Amino acid sequence: MLITKLRALWNPDQYQGWGRRRSYFEGWYFKVVSRDERHALAFIPGISMGKDGQKHAFVQVMNGKACTAEYHHFEADAFAPSREKFELALEGNHFSAKEMTLHLPGISGTITLHDITPWPKMLGAPGIMGWYSFVPFMECNHGIVSLNHRLEGTINIHGEAVDFSGGRGYIEKDWGQSFPRAYVWMQSNHFSSTEHASLMASAAHIPWLGSHFIGFISGFWLEGRLFKFATYTGAKKYLTISDTEVSLTFRTPGTELRILAKQAPGTALISPLSGEMKGKIQESLQATLQVELWEKGRRIFEDTGRNAGLEVAGTVEVLQP
């Protein structure tokens, strides 16, 4: 068990919950957008363990264009993660960094994933959370499996065969006890100027040793380069939130990332509270992200991300100065 846990620690895409019995959740987020962008869905497989030890597995399905969601419940014993790599079986459903196979009520098919873009590993930083990856009492941990990849395959969705071939995908994950008390999260890899761009950014209320701080992480992958902005890198964050927009700017010496997120119709999803899937959040897959990247005083990227995921959750007033 110790070797399995250590291997997982250095591979955040893998299952992290070995030995956990209660007050724990873990879930992966597979976003798929068809080539014509008429279909944008998210498939979220995971495991939930309540404070009383009650467990169940699930696959949550979000249709971002129709603004609908489904929650498919499974016995906990059906949840079968690999001990060696990121691979998860859940009855007839399979999820990995290579493919996603679905056998859900009204939803079936296989999508293969090509040219995945994992978050790079560094000494002391196995994933996007940097050295925070080694802190054992984090309320919620975050991981990036693939920032951007190409899709191939068809999914039958309630009688409609949807071809995702040539579309784009994104995979991330969360694990821990609960989603933060307040957070904003945004993501897009649909930009007009290039297929080789992907943006993820988040700011959240983080409990810490009897107090709290406002933590943030962001990665902007552009033409093979990854620009990282995070609490642990010493970057500065500037955030304002209104009813219709989220303005988020990150600065490091010599680099600045400016994002203006426009809110759009969303979908109610179930979220974890102390391991139990009993919370509610709203997520949109129809938002837009106006993005500018500056390096050494020169603007090197300007475009608008489409089919963007956007969540503004909780008492977000605590996130702002």
C-alpha atoms as a PDB file:
ATOM      1  CA  MET A   1       0.000   0.000   0.000  1.00  0.00           C
ATOM      2  CA  LEU A   2       2.839   2.438   0.844  1.00  0.00           C
ATOM      3  CA  ILE A   3       4.466   1.966  -2.576  1.00  0.00           C
ATOM      4  CA  THR A   4       1.094   2.492  -4.262  1.00  0.00           C
ATOM      5  CA  LYS A   5       0.497   5.720  -2.317  1.00  0.00           C
ATOM      6  CA  LEU A   6       3.983   7.051  -3.076  1.00  0.00           C
ATOM      7  CA  ARG A   7       3.585   6.259  -6.771  1.00  0.00           C
ATOM      8  CA  ALA A   8       0.254   8.078  -6.797  1.00  0.00           C
ATOM      9  CA  LEU A   9       1.731  11.109  -5.013  1.00  0.00           C
ATOM     10  CA  TRP A  10       4.209  11.599  -7.861  1.00  0.00           C
ATOM     11  CA  ASN A  11       1.523  10.947 -10.482  1.00  0.00           C
ATOM     12  CA  PRO A  12      -1.445  13.202  -9.649  1.00  0.00           C
ATOM     13  CA  ASP A  13      -3.497  11.863 -12.578  1.00  0.00           C
ATOM     14  CA  GLN A  14      -3.709   8.494 -10.791  1.00  0.00           C
ATOM     15  CA  TYR A  15      -6.137   7.617  -7.987  1.00  0.00           C
ATOM     16  CA  GLN A  16      -4.985   9.226  -4.722  1.00  0.00           C
ATOM     17  CA  GLY A  17      -7.457   7.759  -2.246  1.00  0.00           C
ATOM     18  CA  TRP A  18      -5.704   4.525  -1.309  1.00  0.00           C
ATOM     19  CA  GLY A  19      -6.475   3.723   2.317  1.00  0.00           C
ATOM     20  CA  ARG A  20      -9.202   6.368   2.636  1.00  0.00           C
ATOM     21  CA  ARG A  21     -12.496   5.222   4.182  1.00  0.00           C
ATOM     22  CA  ARG A  22     -14.506   8.353   4.983  1.00  0.00           C
ATOM     23  CA  SER A  23     -14.806  12.134   4.351  1.00  0.00           C
ATOM     24  CA  TYR A  24     -13.168  11.823   0.944  1.00  0.00           C
ATOM     25  CA  PHE A  25     -13.969  12.373  -2.706  1.00  0.00           C
ATOM     26  CA  GLU A  26     -12.070  12.069  -5.953  1.00  0.00           C
ATOM     27  CA  GLY A  27     -13.258  12.879  -9.441  1.00  0.00           C
ATOM     28  CA  TRP A  28     -11.889  13.352 -12.954  1.00  0.00           C
ATOM     29  CA  TYR A  29     -13.301  15.878 -15.429  1.00  0.00           C
ATOM     30  CA  PHE A  30     -13.297  14.897 -19.126  1.00  0.00           C
ATOM     31  CA  LYS A  31     -14.372  17.813 -21.309  1.00  0.00           C
ATOM     32  CA  VAL A  32     -15.099  17.023 -24.972  1.00  0.00           C
ATOM     33  CA  VAL A  33     -16.113  19.491 -27.678  1.00  0.00           C
ATOM     34  CA  SER A  34     -17.058  18.392 -31.201  1.00  0.00           C
ATOM     35  CA  ARG A  35     -15.232  19.759 -34.215  1.00  0.00           C
ATOM     36  CA  ASP A  36     -18.233  21.881 -35.272  1.00  0.00           C
ATOM     37  CA  GLU A  37     -18.587  23.056 -31.627  1.00  0.00           C
ATOM     38  CA  ARG A  38     -22.286  22.176 -31.605  1.00  0.00           C
ATOM     39  CA  HIS A  39     -21.690  19.718 -28.764  1.00  0.00           C
ATOM     40  CA  ALA A  40     -19.788  20.395 -25.541  1.00  0.00           C
ATOM     41  CA  LEU A  41     -19.994  17.832 -22.748  1.00  0.00           C
ATOM     42  CA  ALA A  42     -18.194  16.940 -19.542  1.00  0.00           C
ATOM     43  CA  PHE A  43     -18.037  13.431 -18.088  1.00  0.00           C
ATOM     44  CA  ILE A  44     -17.060  13.246 -14.407  1.00  0.00           C
ATOM     45  CA  PRO A  45     -16.361   9.778 -12.951  1.00  0.00           C
ATOM     46  CA  GLY A  46     -15.525   9.539  -9.282  1.00  0.00           C
ATOM     47  CA  ILE A  47     -15.905   8.131  -5.776  1.00  0.00           C
ATOM     48  CA  SER A  48     -17.639   9.611  -2.715  1.00  0.00           C
ATOM     49  CA  MET A  49     -17.079   8.636   0.940  1.00  0.00           C
ATOM     50  CA  GLY A  50     -19.211  10.324   3.576  1.00  0.00           C
ATOM     51  CA  LYS A  51     -18.309  11.138   7.171  1.00  0.00           C
ATOM     52  CA  ASP A  52     -20.261   8.058   8.258  1.00  0.00           C
ATOM     53  CA  GLY A  53     -18.308   5.794   5.895  1.00  0.00           C
ATOM     54  CA  GLN A  54     -21.126   5.443   3.375  1.00  0.00           C
ATOM     55  CA  LYS A  55     -19.648   5.193  -0.119  1.00  0.00           C
ATOM     56  CA  HIS A  56     -20.764   5.239  -3.708  1.00  0.00           C
ATOM     57  CA  ALA A  57     -19.225   5.738  -7.132  1.00  0.00           C
ATOM     58  CA  PHE A  58     -20.668   7.928  -9.845  1.00  0.00           C
ATOM     59  CA  VAL A  59     -20.460   9.295 -13.346  1.00  0.00           C
ATOM     60  CA  GLN A  60     -21.872  12.789 -13.701  1.00  0.00           C
ATOM     61  CA  VAL A  61     -22.665  13.963 -17.234  1.00  0.00           C
ATOM     62  CA  MET A  62     -22.986  17.625 -18.175  1.00  0.00           C
ATOM     63  CA  ASN A  63     -24.394  18.759 -21.514  1.00  0.00           C
ATOM     64  CA  GLY A  64     -23.017  22.269 -21.818  1.00  0.00           C
ATOM     65  CA  LYS A  65     -25.123  23.327 -24.784  1.00  0.00           C
ATOM     66  CA  ALA A  66     -28.454  21.986 -23.521  1.00  0.00           C
ATOM     67  CA  CYS A  67     -27.627  23.047 -19.923  1.00  0.00           C
ATOM     68  CA  THR A  68     -28.645  19.659 -18.525  1.00  0.00           C
ATOM     69  CA  ALA A  69     -26.933  17.217 -16.187  1.00  0.00           C
ATOM     70  CA  GLU A  70     -27.305  13.569 -15.216  1.00  0.00           C
ATOM     71  CA  TYR A  71     -25.949  11.779 -12.156  1.00  0.00           C
ATOM     72  CA  HIS A  72     -25.400   8.026 -12.514  1.00  0.00           C
ATOM     73  CA  HIS A  73     -24.990   6.188  -9.199  1.00  0.00           C
ATOM     74  CA  PHE A  74     -22.905   3.003  -8.774  1.00  0.00           C
ATOM     75  CA  GLU A  75     -21.985   0.766  -5.869  1.00  0.00           C
ATOM     76  CA  ALA A  76     -18.587   1.661  -4.429  1.00  0.00           C
ATOM     77  CA  ASP A  77     -17.274  -1.845  -5.188  1.00  0.00           C
ATOM     78  CA  ALA A  78     -17.697  -1.108  -8.904  1.00  0.00           C
ATOM     79  CA  PHE A  79     -15.046   1.630  -8.692  1.00  0.00           C
ATOM     80  CA  ALA A  80     -11.811  -0.012  -9.869  1.00  0.00           C
ATOM     81  CA  PRO A  81      -8.767   2.275 -10.305  1.00  0.00           C
ATOM     82  CA  SER A  82      -5.418   0.922 -11.445  1.00  0.00           C
ATOM     83  CA  ARG A  83      -2.543   0.833  -8.946  1.00  0.00           C
ATOM     84  CA  GLU A  84       0.041   1.348 -11.686  1.00  0.00           C
ATOM     85  CA  LYS A  85      -1.276   4.209 -13.861  1.00  0.00           C
ATOM     86  CA  PHE A  86      -4.226   6.478 -14.536  1.00  0.00           C
ATOM     87  CA  GLU A  87      -6.866   4.004 -15.560  1.00  0.00           C
ATOM     88  CA  LEU A  88     -10.321   3.634 -14.050  1.00  0.00           C
ATOM     89  CA  ALA A  89     -13.044   1.031 -14.630  1.00  0.00           C
ATOM     90  CA  LEU A  90     -16.596   1.564 -13.416  1.00  0.00           C
ATOM     91  CA  GLU A  91     -18.741  -1.359 -14.502  1.00  0.00           C
ATOM     92  CA  GLY A  92     -18.856  -0.998 -18.326  1.00  0.00           C
ATOM     93  CA  ASN A  93     -17.237   2.440 -18.277  1.00  0.00           C
ATOM     94  CA  HIS A  94     -13.500   2.998 -18.698  1.00  0.00           C
ATOM     95  CA  PHE A  95     -11.469   6.201 -18.368  1.00  0.00           C
ATOM     96  CA  SER A  96      -7.787   6.822 -19.035  1.00  0.00           C
ATOM     97  CA  ALA A  97      -5.487   9.325 -20.737  1.00  0.00           C
ATOM     98  CA  LYS A  98      -5.865   7.306 -23.941  1.00  0.00           C
ATOM     99  CA  GLU A  99      -9.606   6.749 -24.231  1.00  0.00           C
ATOM    100  CA  MET A 100     -13.020   7.057 -22.656  1.00  0.00           C
ATOM    101  CA  THR A 101     -15.591   4.271 -23.069  1.00  0.00           C
ATOM    102  CA  LEU A 102     -19.147   4.871 -21.886  1.00  0.00           C
ATOM    103  CA  HIS A 103     -21.979   2.448 -21.132  1.00  0.00           C
ATOM    104  CA  LEU A 104     -24.501   4.601 -19.275  1.00  0.00           C
ATOM    105  CA  PRO A 105     -28.294   4.702 -19.559  1.00  0.00           C
ATOM    106  CA  GLY A 106     -28.908   6.449 -22.900  1.00  0.00           C
ATOM    107  CA  ILE A 107     -25.201   7.219 -23.430  1.00  0.00           C
ATOM    108  CA  SER A 108     -22.674   4.869 -25.039  1.00  0.00           C
ATOM    109  CA  GLY A 109     -19.595   4.936 -27.224  1.00  0.00           C
ATOM    110  CA  THR A 110     -15.827   5.326 -27.220  1.00  0.00           C
ATOM    111  CA  ILE A 111     -13.639   8.372 -27.742  1.00  0.00           C
ATOM    112  CA  THR A 112      -9.889   7.961 -28.154  1.00  0.00           C
ATOM    113  CA  LEU A 113      -7.557  10.766 -27.106  1.00  0.00           C
ATOM    114  CA  HIS A 114      -4.554  11.738 -29.236  1.00  0.00           C
ATOM    115  CA  ASP A 115      -1.565  14.020 -28.594  1.00  0.00           C
ATOM    116  CA  ILE A 116      -2.345  14.665 -24.930  1.00  0.00           C
ATOM    117  CA  THR A 117      -0.587  17.601 -23.230  1.00  0.00           C
ATOM    118  CA  PRO A 118       0.178  16.695 -19.597  1.00  0.00           C
ATOM    119  CA  TRP A 119       1.281  19.199 -16.999  1.00  0.00           C
ATOM    120  CA  PRO A 120       5.098  18.865 -16.799  1.00  0.00           C
ATOM    121  CA  LYS A 121       6.678  17.333 -13.700  1.00  0.00           C
ATOM    122  CA  MET A 122       9.557  19.027 -11.922  1.00  0.00           C
ATOM    123  CA  LEU A 123      11.702  18.145  -8.926  1.00  0.00           C
ATOM    124  CA  GLY A 124       9.562  18.953  -5.891  1.00  0.00           C
ATOM    125  CA  ALA A 125       6.501  19.713  -8.038  1.00  0.00           C
ATOM    126  CA  PRO A 126       4.735  16.634  -9.430  1.00  0.00           C
ATOM    127  CA  GLY A 127       1.768  18.639 -10.706  1.00  0.00           C
ATOM    128  CA  ILE A 128       0.035  22.001 -11.013  1.00  0.00           C
ATOM    129  CA  MET A 129      -0.076  22.457  -7.211  1.00  0.00           C
ATOM    130  CA  GLY A 130       3.721  22.593  -6.918  1.00  0.00           C
ATOM    131  CA  TRP A 131       5.053  21.885  -3.433  1.00  0.00           C
ATOM    132  CA  TYR A 132       1.495  22.055  -2.036  1.00  0.00           C
ATOM    133  CA  SER A 133       1.133  18.561  -3.520  1.00  0.00           C
ATOM    134  CA  PHE A 134       2.974  17.266  -0.445  1.00  0.00           C
ATOM    135  CA  VAL A 135       0.769  19.026   2.145  1.00  0.00           C
ATOM    136  CA  PRO A 136      -1.407  16.276   3.711  1.00  0.00           C
ATOM    137  CA  PHE A 137      -4.248  18.434   5.086  1.00  0.00           C
ATOM    138  CA  MET A 138      -5.374  20.341   1.984  1.00  0.00           C
ATOM    139  CA  GLU A 139      -9.162  20.618   1.770  1.00  0.00           C
ATOM    140  CA  CYS A 140      -9.119  20.212  -2.009  1.00  0.00           C
ATOM    141  CA  ASN A 141      -6.326  19.179  -4.370  1.00  0.00           C
ATOM    142  CA  HIS A 142      -6.202  19.836  -8.097  1.00  0.00           C
ATOM    143  CA  GLY A 143      -4.498  18.070 -10.979  1.00  0.00           C
ATOM    144  CA  ILE A 144      -4.188  18.454 -14.745  1.00  0.00           C
ATOM    145  CA  VAL A 145      -4.184  15.264 -16.816  1.00  0.00           C
ATOM    146  CA  SER A 146      -4.140  16.916 -20.257  1.00  0.00           C
ATOM    147  CA  LEU A 147      -4.372  20.590 -21.170  1.00  0.00           C
ATOM    148  CA  ASN A 148      -5.237  19.885 -24.787  1.00  0.00           C
ATOM    149  CA  HIS A 149      -5.711  16.881 -27.054  1.00  0.00           C
ATOM    150  CA  ARG A 150      -7.483  15.726 -30.199  1.00  0.00           C
ATOM    151  CA  LEU A 151     -10.565  13.500 -30.115  1.00  0.00           C
ATOM    152  CA  GLU A 152     -11.607  10.570 -32.299  1.00  0.00           C
ATOM    153  CA  GLY A 153     -14.842   8.607 -32.028  1.00  0.00           C
ATOM    154  CA  THR A 154     -18.603   8.765 -31.674  1.00  0.00           C
ATOM    155  CA  ILE A 155     -20.916   8.837 -28.663  1.00  0.00           C
ATOM    156  CA  ASN A 156     -24.611   7.978 -28.885  1.00  0.00           C
ATOM    157  CA  ILE A 157     -26.422  10.459 -26.645  1.00  0.00           C
ATOM    158  CA  HIS A 158     -30.079   9.610 -26.075  1.00  0.00           C
ATOM    159  CA  GLY A 159     -30.596   8.455 -29.645  1.00  0.00           C
ATOM    160  CA  GLU A 160     -28.316  10.970 -31.378  1.00  0.00           C
ATOM    161  CA  ALA A 161     -24.961   9.777 -32.715  1.00  0.00           C
ATOM    162  CA  VAL A 162     -22.490  12.616 -32.106  1.00  0.00           C
ATOM    163  CA  ASP A 163     -19.157  12.411 -33.922  1.00  0.00           C
ATOM    164  CA  PHE A 164     -16.374  13.997 -31.871  1.00  0.00           C
ATOM    165  CA  SER A 165     -13.632  13.211 -34.407  1.00  0.00           C
ATOM    166  CA  GLY A 166     -11.438  16.249 -34.937  1.00  0.00           C
ATOM    167  CA  GLY A 167     -12.741  17.878 -31.770  1.00  0.00           C
ATOM    168  CA  ARG A 168     -10.704  19.036 -28.785  1.00  0.00           C
ATOM    169  CA  GLY A 169     -10.585  17.773 -25.223  1.00  0.00           C
ATOM    170  CA  TYR A 170      -9.287  18.637 -21.756  1.00  0.00           C
ATOM    171  CA  ILE A 171      -8.912  16.544 -18.555  1.00  0.00           C
ATOM    172  CA  GLU A 172      -8.417  17.645 -14.954  1.00  0.00           C
ATOM    173  CA  LYS A 173      -9.266  16.260 -11.529  1.00  0.00           C
ATOM    174  CA  ASP A 174      -9.954  17.128  -7.884  1.00  0.00           C
ATOM    175  CA  TRP A 175      -9.644  15.158  -4.675  1.00  0.00           C
ATOM    176  CA  GLY A 176      -9.885  15.771  -0.932  1.00  0.00           C
ATOM    177  CA  GLN A 177     -12.774  16.540   1.403  1.00  0.00           C
ATOM    178  CA  SER A 178     -14.757  19.440  -0.083  1.00  0.00           C
ATOM    179  CA  PHE A 179     -14.689  22.013  -2.814  1.00  0.00           C
ATOM    180  CA  PRO A 180     -13.505  25.387  -1.460  1.00  0.00           C
ATOM    181  CA  ARG A 181     -15.874  27.695   0.406  1.00  0.00           C
ATOM    182  CA  ALA A 182     -15.480  30.164  -2.477  1.00  0.00           C
ATOM    183  CA  TYR A 183     -13.695  29.908  -5.811  1.00  0.00           C
ATOM    184  CA  VAL A 184     -13.645  30.876  -9.458  1.00  0.00           C
ATOM    185  CA  TRP A 185     -12.477  28.473 -12.158  1.00  0.00           C
ATOM    186  CA  MET A 186     -12.226  28.890 -15.911  1.00  0.00           C
ATOM    187  CA  GLN A 187     -10.885  26.881 -18.843  1.00  0.00           C
ATOM    188  CA  SER A 188     -10.814  26.966 -22.640  1.00  0.00           C
ATOM    189  CA  ASN A 189      -8.786  25.423 -25.444  1.00  0.00           C
ATOM    190  CA  HIS A 190     -10.795  26.866 -28.341  1.00  0.00           C
ATOM    191  CA  PHE A 191      -9.037  29.896 -29.814  1.00  0.00           C
ATOM    192  CA  SER A 192      -9.353  31.125 -33.396  1.00  0.00           C
ATOM    193  CA  SER A 193      -5.663  31.905 -33.931  1.00  0.00           C
ATOM    194  CA  THR A 194      -4.258  28.482 -32.982  1.00  0.00           C
ATOM    195  CA  GLU A 195      -5.258  24.960 -31.964  1.00  0.00           C
ATOM    196  CA  HIS A 196      -2.158  24.815 -29.767  1.00  0.00           C
ATOM    197  CA  ALA A 197      -3.429  26.930 -26.882  1.00  0.00           C
ATOM    198  CA  SER A 198      -5.147  26.033 -23.640  1.00  0.00           C
ATOM    199  CA  LEU A 199      -5.934  28.102 -20.571  1.00  0.00           C
ATOM    200  CA  MET A 200      -6.923  27.044 -17.078  1.00  0.00           C
ATOM    201  CA  ALA A 201      -7.121  29.502 -14.163  1.00  0.00           C
ATOM    202  CA  SER A 202      -8.552  29.334 -10.658  1.00  0.00           C
ATOM    203  CA  ALA A 203      -8.573  31.329  -7.414  1.00  0.00           C
ATOM    204  CA  ALA A 204      -9.950  29.886  -4.178  1.00  0.00           C
ATOM    205  CA  HIS A 205     -10.376  30.305  -0.421  1.00  0.00           C
ATOM    206  CA  ILE A 206      -7.892  27.854   1.161  1.00  0.00           C
ATOM    207  CA  PRO A 207      -8.119  26.860   4.859  1.00  0.00           C
ATOM    208  CA  TRP A 208      -4.632  26.865   6.375  1.00  0.00           C
ATOM    209  CA  LEU A 209      -3.534  26.055   9.961  1.00  0.00           C
ATOM    210  CA  GLY A 210      -6.581  27.584  11.622  1.00  0.00           C
ATOM    211  CA  SER A 211      -6.694  30.543   9.241  1.00  0.00           C
ATOM    212  CA  HIS A 212      -6.942  30.836   5.456  1.00  0.00           C
ATOM    213  CA  PHE A 213      -5.415  32.424   2.387  1.00  0.00           C
ATOM    214  CA  ILE A 214      -6.564  33.097  -1.175  1.00  0.00           C
ATOM    215  CA  GLY A 215      -4.658  30.697  -3.379  1.00  0.00           C
ATOM    216  CA  PHE A 216      -4.501  30.650  -7.153  1.00  0.00           C
ATOM    217  CA  ILE A 217      -3.139  28.504  -9.957  1.00  0.00           C
ATOM    218  CA  SER A 218      -3.085  29.056 -13.703  1.00  0.00           C
ATOM    219  CA  GLY A 219      -1.472  27.485 -16.714  1.00  0.00           C
ATOM    220  CA  PHE A 220      -1.526  28.950 -20.224  1.00  0.00           C
ATOM    221  CA  TRP A 221      -0.122  26.517 -22.777  1.00  0.00           C
ATOM    222  CA  LEU A 222       0.748  28.247 -26.037  1.00  0.00           C
ATOM    223  CA  GLU A 223       2.514  26.656 -28.997  1.00  0.00           C
ATOM    224  CA  GLY A 224       4.488  24.272 -26.804  1.00  0.00           C
ATOM    225  CA  ARG A 225       5.309  26.784 -24.029  1.00  0.00           C
ATOM    226  CA  LEU A 226       3.634  26.668 -20.631  1.00  0.00           C
ATOM    227  CA  PHE A 227       3.253  29.957 -18.744  1.00  0.00           C
ATOM    228  CA  LYS A 228       2.643  29.223 -15.048  1.00  0.00           C
ATOM    229  CA  PHE A 229       1.163  31.605 -12.496  1.00  0.00           C
ATOM    230  CA  ALA A 230       0.530  30.373  -8.955  1.00  0.00           C
ATOM    231  CA  THR A 231       0.720  31.289  -5.295  1.00  0.00           C
ATOM    232  CA  TYR A 232       3.863  29.161  -4.956  1.00  0.00           C
ATOM    233  CA  THR A 233       5.620  30.884  -7.912  1.00  0.00           C
ATOM    234  CA  GLY A 234       5.387  34.324  -6.283  1.00  0.00           C
ATOM    235  CA  ALA A 235       2.979  35.654  -8.931  1.00  0.00           C
ATOM    236  CA  LYS A 236       0.532  38.437  -8.089  1.00  0.00           C
ATOM    237  CA  LYS A 237      -3.223  38.109  -8.619  1.00  0.00           C
ATOM    238  CA  TYR A 238      -5.834  40.799  -9.302  1.00  0.00           C
ATOM    239  CA  LEU A 239      -9.462  39.661  -9.270  1.00  0.00           C
ATOM    240  CA  THR A 240     -12.802  41.434  -9.630  1.00  0.00           C
ATOM    241  CA  ILE A 241     -16.182  39.744  -9.967  1.00  0.00           C
ATOM    242  CA  SER A 242     -19.500  41.172 -11.146  1.00  0.00           C
ATOM    243  CA  ASP A 243     -22.826  39.588 -12.048  1.00  0.00           C
ATOM    244  CA  THR A 244     -21.764  39.190 -15.674  1.00  0.00           C
ATOM    245  CA  GLU A 245     -17.943  39.186 -15.727  1.00  0.00           C
ATOM    246  CA  VAL A 246     -14.842  37.943 -13.963  1.00  0.00           C
ATOM    247  CA  SER A 247     -11.626  39.904 -14.463  1.00  0.00           C
ATOM    248  CA  LEU A 248      -8.498  37.992 -13.471  1.00  0.00           C
ATOM    249  CA  THR A 249      -4.922  39.181 -14.003  1.00  0.00           C
ATOM    250  CA  PHE A 250      -1.682  37.439 -13.039  1.00  0.00           C
ATOM    251  CA  ARG A 251       1.729  39.106 -12.996  1.00  0.00           C
ATOM    252  CA  THR A 252       5.267  37.864 -12.606  1.00  0.00           C
ATOM    253  CA  PRO A 253       8.425  39.826 -13.387  1.00  0.00           C
ATOM    254  CA  GLY A 254       8.333  40.211 -17.156  1.00  0.00           C
ATOM    255  CA  THR A 255       5.044  38.369 -17.769  1.00  0.00           C
ATOM    256  CA  GLU A 256       1.383  39.297 -17.443  1.00  0.00           C
ATOM    257  CA  LEU A 257      -1.758  37.277 -18.210  1.00  0.00           C
ATOM    258  CA  ARG A 258      -5.055  39.160 -18.482  1.00  0.00           C
ATOM    259  CA  ILE A 259      -8.380  37.315 -18.603  1.00  0.00           C
ATOM    260  CA  LEU A 260     -11.885  38.726 -18.893  1.00  0.00           C
ATOM    261  CA  ALA A 261     -14.456  35.945 -18.510  1.00  0.00           C
ATOM    262  CA  LYS A 262     -18.008  36.589 -19.721  1.00  0.00           C
ATOM    263  CA  GLN A 263     -20.633  34.563 -17.903  1.00  0.00           C
ATOM    264  CA  ALA A 264     -23.195  32.496 -19.832  1.00  0.00           C
ATOM    265  CA  PRO A 265     -26.090  30.090 -19.111  1.00  0.00           C
ATOM    266  CA  GLY A 266     -24.978  27.296 -16.820  1.00  0.00           C
ATOM    267  CA  THR A 267     -25.895  23.871 -15.500  1.00  0.00           C
ATOM    268  CA  ALA A 268     -26.416  22.714 -11.915  1.00  0.00           C
ATOM    269  CA  LEU A 269     -23.883  20.066 -10.910  1.00  0.00           C
ATOM    270  CA  ILE A 270     -23.511  18.066  -7.700  1.00  0.00           C
ATOM    271  CA  SER A 271     -20.350  18.814  -5.715  1.00  0.00           C
ATOM    272  CA  PRO A 272     -18.610  17.315  -2.641  1.00  0.00           C
ATOM    273  CA  LEU A 273     -19.068  18.420   0.975  1.00  0.00           C
ATOM    274  CA  SER A 274     -16.983  16.461   3.510  1.00  0.00           C
ATOM    275  CA  GLY A 275     -16.722  13.722   0.911  1.00  0.00           C
ATOM    276  CA  GLU A 276     -20.458  13.464   0.287  1.00  0.00           C
ATOM    277  CA  MET A 277     -21.879  14.492  -3.086  1.00  0.00           C
ATOM    278  CA  LYS A 278     -24.571  16.759  -1.708  1.00  0.00           C
ATOM    279  CA  GLY A 279     -23.455  20.286  -2.661  1.00  0.00           C
ATOM    280  CA  LYS A 280     -24.569  22.276  -5.709  1.00  0.00           C
ATOM    281  CA  ILE A 281     -22.576  24.430  -8.108  1.00  0.00           C
ATOM    282  CA  GLN A 282     -23.312  26.122 -11.424  1.00  0.00           C
ATOM    283  CA  GLU A 283     -20.998  25.597 -14.381  1.00  0.00           C
ATOM    284  CA  SER A 284     -21.199  26.965 -17.901  1.00  0.00           C
ATOM    285  CA  LEU A 285     -19.581  25.533 -21.025  1.00  0.00           C
ATOM    286  CA  GLN A 286     -20.759  28.500 -23.071  1.00  0.00           C
ATOM    287  CA  ALA A 287     -18.673  31.236 -21.466  1.00  0.00           C
ATOM    288  CA  THR A 288     -15.990  33.203 -23.315  1.00  0.00           C
ATOM    289  CA  LEU A 289     -12.520  34.173 -22.116  1.00  0.00           C
ATOM    290  CA  GLN A 290     -10.861  37.267 -23.561  1.00  0.00           C
ATOM    291  CA  VAL A 291      -7.149  36.569 -23.106  1.00  0.00           C
ATOM    292  CA  GLU A 292      -4.018  38.688 -23.450  1.00  0.00           C
ATOM    293  CA  LEU A 293      -0.502  37.476 -22.704  1.00  0.00           C
ATOM    294  CA  TRP A 294       2.306  40.008 -22.333  1.00  0.00           C
ATOM    295  CA  GLU A 295       5.999  39.185 -22.154  1.00  0.00           C
ATOM    296  CA  LYS A 296       8.710  41.797 -21.542  1.00  0.00           C
ATOM    297  CA  GLY A 297       6.288  44.610 -22.352  1.00  0.00           C
ATOM    298  CA  ARG A 298       5.157  43.072 -25.645  1.00  0.00           C
ATOM    299  CA  ARG A 299       1.760  41.494 -26.263  1.00  0.00           C
ATOM    300  CA  ILE A 300       2.451  38.052 -27.690  1.00  0.00           C
ATOM    301  CA  PHE A 301      -1.113  36.678 -27.659  1.00  0.00           C
ATOM    302  CA  GLU A 302      -4.612  38.117 -27.886  1.00  0.00           C
ATOM    303  CA  ASP A 303      -7.705  36.046 -28.617  1.00  0.00           C
ATOM    304  CA  THR A 304     -11.053  34.933 -27.216  1.00  0.00           C
ATOM    305  CA  GLY A 305     -11.539  31.406 -25.898  1.00  0.00           C
ATOM    306  CA  ARG A 306     -14.868  29.792 -26.777  1.00  0.00           C
ATOM    307  CA  ASN A 307     -16.780  26.877 -25.201  1.00  0.00           C
ATOM    308  CA  ALA A 308     -15.199  27.972 -21.953  1.00  0.00           C
ATOM    309  CA  GLY A 309     -15.903  26.304 -18.652  1.00  0.00           C
ATOM    310  CA  LEU A 310     -16.675  28.863 -15.958  1.00  0.00           C
ATOM    311  CA  GLU A 311     -17.631  28.396 -12.305  1.00  0.00           C
ATOM    312  CA  VAL A 312     -18.162  31.225  -9.803  1.00  0.00           C
ATOM    313  CA  ALA A 313     -19.089  29.498  -6.561  1.00  0.00           C
ATOM    314  CA  GLY A 314     -19.665  30.287  -2.910  1.00  0.00           C
ATOM    315  CA  THR A 315     -19.165  33.527  -1.008  1.00  0.00           C
ATOM    316  CA  VAL A 316     -16.879  35.005  -3.657  1.00  0.00           C
ATOM    317  CA  GLU A 317     -16.656  38.321  -1.798  1.00  0.00           C
ATOM    318  CA  VAL A 318     -13.862  36.768   0.282  1.00  0.00           C
ATOM    319  CA  LEU A 319     -11.763  36.320  -2.866  1.00  0.00           C
ATOM    320  CA  GLN A 320     -11.612  40.015  -3.631  1.00  0.00           C
ATOM    321  CA  PRO A 321      -9.608  42.679  -1.779  1.00  0.00           C
END
